[in-house]
Amino acid sequence: MQILELCRLARTVRAWQTEILAWHQTTGCSNGPTEAINLLIKKVKRVGHGFRNFANYRLRLLLHCGVRWQTHRPQDARPPRPAALCML
């Protein structure tokens, strides 16, 4: 007497045997986290309706992905004031 569910399970395991063994050989490594980040990037791009400035787009992605990276501080465009003028 054969149990239909077990026969179907056996067919499924045989069909995916290579992938199942590969998963065990790589100690469960997956590209799932990478795919999640890619999906988040596409979502931010779609919601942003296009960014004119790549730096703003990059900062938005870092914010949504939860990455804490050092960003460059903006430089002051004005030259420093001479010390004599500061006392007035």
Protein backbone atom coordinates (compact mmCIF):
# COMPACT_ATOMS: atom_id res chain seq x y z
CA MET A 1 0.00 0.00 0.00
CA GLN A 2 1.48 3.33 -1.06
CA ILE A 3 0.72 6.62 0.60
CA LEU A 4 0.18 9.24 -2.11
CA GLU A 5 1.55 12.11 -0.04
CA LEU A 6 4.82 10.29 0.63
CA CYS A 7 5.22 9.40 -3.04
CA ARG A 8 4.75 13.04 -3.98
CA LEU A 9 7.25 14.12 -1.30
CA ALA A 10 9.79 11.61 -2.64
CA ARG A 11 9.35 12.97 -6.19
CA THR A 12 9.81 16.53 -4.96
CA VAL A 13 12.95 15.66 -2.99
CA ARG A 14 14.39 13.81 -6.00
CA ALA A 15 13.64 16.77 -8.27
CA TRP A 16 15.37 19.20 -5.91
CA GLN A 17 18.13 16.86 -4.77
CA THR A 18 20.98 18.92 -6.26
CA GLU A 19 19.77 22.16 -4.68
CA ILE A 20 19.12 20.53 -1.31
CA LEU A 21 22.60 18.98 -1.21
CA ALA A 22 24.19 22.26 -2.32
CA TRP A 23 22.44 24.07 0.53
CA HIS A 24 23.84 21.57 3.05
CA GLN A 25 27.34 21.73 1.53
CA THR A 26 27.45 25.53 1.80
CA THR A 27 26.28 25.44 5.46
CA GLY A 28 23.05 27.17 4.56
CA CYS A 29 24.49 30.19 2.73
CA SER A 30 21.85 32.03 0.78
CA ASN A 31 21.59 35.08 -1.41
CA GLY A 32 18.34 35.99 0.35
CA PRO A 33 19.81 39.01 2.20
CA THR A 34 21.26 40.33 -1.07
CA GLU A 35 17.94 39.93 -2.83
CA ALA A 36 16.19 41.72 0.05
CA ILE A 37 18.53 44.72 -0.29
CA ASN A 38 18.02 44.76 -4.08
CA LEU A 39 14.24 44.77 -3.58
CA LEU A 40 14.54 47.63 -1.09
CA ILE A 41 16.70 49.63 -3.51
CA LYS A 42 14.15 49.19 -6.30
CA LYS A 43 11.36 50.20 -3.94
CA VAL A 44 13.15 53.40 -2.85
CA LYS A 45 13.88 54.27 -6.48
CA ARG A 46 10.24 53.73 -7.45
CA VAL A 47 8.90 55.81 -4.56
CA GLY A 48 11.45 58.59 -5.14
CA HIS A 49 10.17 59.23 -8.68
CA GLY A 50 13.75 59.82 -9.76
CA PHE A 51 16.49 61.66 -7.93
CA ARG A 52 18.32 64.56 -9.54
CA ASN A 53 21.27 64.25 -7.22
CA PHE A 54 23.04 60.90 -6.81
CA ALA A 55 24.31 61.88 -3.35
CA ASN A 56 20.73 62.33 -2.12
CA TYR A 57 19.72 59.00 -3.66
CA ARG A 58 22.69 57.28 -1.98
CA LEU A 59 21.83 58.80 1.41
CA ARG A 60 18.19 57.73 1.06
CA LEU A 61 19.28 54.17 0.29
CA LEU A 62 21.63 54.10 3.26
CA LEU A 63 18.85 55.39 5.49
CA HIS A 64 16.36 52.75 4.36
CA CYS A 65 18.87 49.88 4.36
CA GLY A 66 19.96 50.66 7.91
CA VAL A 67 23.62 51.09 7.02
CA ARG A 68 25.68 53.50 9.08
CA TRP A 69 28.42 54.79 6.84
CA GLN A 70 30.55 57.84 7.24
CA THR A 71 29.42 60.66 4.99
CA HIS A 72 31.59 63.58 4.05
CA ARG A 73 30.90 66.81 5.88
CA PRO A 74 30.07 69.68 3.55
CA GLN A 75 32.78 72.28 3.24
CA ASP A 76 32.02 75.88 3.97
CA ALA A 77 32.00 77.82 0.68
CA ARG A 78 32.93 81.09 2.39
CA PRO A 79 36.56 81.82 3.20
CA PRO A 80 37.38 82.17 6.91
CA ARG A 81 37.13 85.70 8.28
CA PRO A 82 40.29 87.42 9.40
CA ALA A 83 40.77 87.58 13.18
CA ALA A 84 40.78 91.39 13.22
CA LEU A 85 37.27 91.59 11.76
CA CYS A 86 35.88 89.09 14.23
CA MET A 87 36.46 91.45 17.20
CA LEU A 88 34.14 94.16 15.86
